[in-house]
Amino acid sequence: MSKNRMGFIGRAFAVLSAATAAAAAVEGNRRPHARDLRTLGIDPASFPDTRRG
């Protein structure tokens, strides 16, 4: 497998993992980790606080 394909697979896995973690945090009324938000291309400072109504 080429190095480029391995990088793509690793990046795809990281994005899927971050999306899963962020979704679980939001469903549990918690704020997702900043690392997960950055992986998804979301600025952590602009992410709304999920505990507010």
C-alpha atoms as a PDB file:
ATOM      1  CA  MET A   1       0.000   0.000   0.000  1.00  0.00           C
ATOM      2  CA  SER A   2       1.400   3.423  -0.863  1.00  0.00           C
ATOM      3  CA  LYS A   3       2.358   5.971   1.751  1.00  0.00           C
ATOM      4  CA  ASN A   4      -0.278   8.377   0.414  1.00  0.00           C
ATOM      5  CA  ARG A   5      -3.057   5.808   0.817  1.00  0.00           C
ATOM      6  CA  MET A   6      -1.951   4.999   4.369  1.00  0.00           C
ATOM      7  CA  GLY A   7      -2.094   8.724   5.221  1.00  0.00           C
ATOM      8  CA  PHE A   8      -5.603   8.939   3.798  1.00  0.00           C
ATOM      9  CA  ILE A   9      -6.776   5.921   5.787  1.00  0.00           C
ATOM     10  CA  GLY A  10      -5.251   7.295   8.988  1.00  0.00           C
ATOM     11  CA  ARG A  11      -6.862  10.694   8.445  1.00  0.00           C
ATOM     12  CA  ALA A  12     -10.236   9.108   7.648  1.00  0.00           C
ATOM     13  CA  PHE A  13     -10.038   7.038  10.830  1.00  0.00           C
ATOM     14  CA  ALA A  14      -9.156  10.145  12.882  1.00  0.00           C
ATOM     15  CA  VAL A  15     -12.120  12.081  11.464  1.00  0.00           C
ATOM     16  CA  LEU A  16     -14.560   9.229  12.092  1.00  0.00           C
ATOM     17  CA  SER A  17     -13.275   8.800  15.648  1.00  0.00           C
ATOM     18  CA  ALA A  18     -13.543  12.527  16.361  1.00  0.00           C
ATOM     19  CA  ALA A  19     -17.069  12.652  14.941  1.00  0.00           C
ATOM     20  CA  THR A  20     -18.138   9.717  17.093  1.00  0.00           C
ATOM     21  CA  ALA A  21     -16.604  11.229  20.221  1.00  0.00           C
ATOM     22  CA  ALA A  22     -18.111  14.662  19.578  1.00  0.00           C
ATOM     23  CA  ALA A  23     -21.563  13.221  18.891  1.00  0.00           C
ATOM     24  CA  ALA A  24     -21.443  11.155  22.086  1.00  0.00           C
ATOM     25  CA  ALA A  25     -20.419  14.224  24.091  1.00  0.00           C
ATOM     26  CA  VAL A  26     -23.263  16.328  22.688  1.00  0.00           C
ATOM     27  CA  GLU A  27     -25.795  13.562  23.295  1.00  0.00           C
ATOM     28  CA  GLY A  28     -24.532  13.319  26.883  1.00  0.00           C
ATOM     29  CA  ASN A  29     -24.935  17.110  27.324  1.00  0.00           C
ATOM     30  CA  ARG A  30     -21.161  17.547  27.548  1.00  0.00           C
ATOM     31  CA  ARG A  31     -18.827  19.767  25.571  1.00  0.00           C
ATOM     32  CA  PRO A  32     -16.707  17.825  23.059  1.00  0.00           C
ATOM     33  CA  HIS A  33     -12.926  17.917  23.482  1.00  0.00           C
ATOM     34  CA  ALA A  34     -11.257  20.775  21.629  1.00  0.00           C
ATOM     35  CA  ARG A  35      -8.997  18.239  19.883  1.00  0.00           C
ATOM     36  CA  ASP A  36     -12.004  16.458  18.388  1.00  0.00           C
ATOM     37  CA  LEU A  37     -13.563  19.719  17.238  1.00  0.00           C
ATOM     38  CA  ARG A  38     -10.307  20.843  15.584  1.00  0.00           C
ATOM     39  CA  THR A  39     -10.024  17.464  13.819  1.00  0.00           C
ATOM     40  CA  LEU A  40     -13.492  18.079  12.392  1.00  0.00           C
ATOM     41  CA  GLY A  41     -12.565  21.595  11.279  1.00  0.00           C
ATOM     42  CA  ILE A  42     -14.642  23.327  13.957  1.00  0.00           C
ATOM     43  CA  ASP A  43     -13.229  26.226  15.968  1.00  0.00           C
ATOM     44  CA  PRO A  44     -13.626  25.181  19.631  1.00  0.00           C
ATOM     45  CA  ALA A  45     -14.205  28.803  20.690  1.00  0.00           C
ATOM     46  CA  SER A  46     -17.216  29.106  18.385  1.00  0.00           C
ATOM     47  CA  PHE A  47     -18.823  25.815  19.462  1.00  0.00           C
ATOM     48  CA  PRO A  48     -21.922  26.536  21.555  1.00  0.00           C
ATOM     49  CA  ASP A  49     -22.103  25.430  25.167  1.00  0.00           C
ATOM     50  CA  THR A  50     -24.399  22.389  25.115  1.00  0.00           C
ATOM     51  CA  ARG A  51     -25.522  22.884  28.708  1.00  0.00           C
ATOM     52  CA  ARG A  52     -27.377  26.092  27.941  1.00  0.00           C
ATOM     53  CA  GLY A  53     -31.031  25.718  27.038  1.00  0.00           C
END
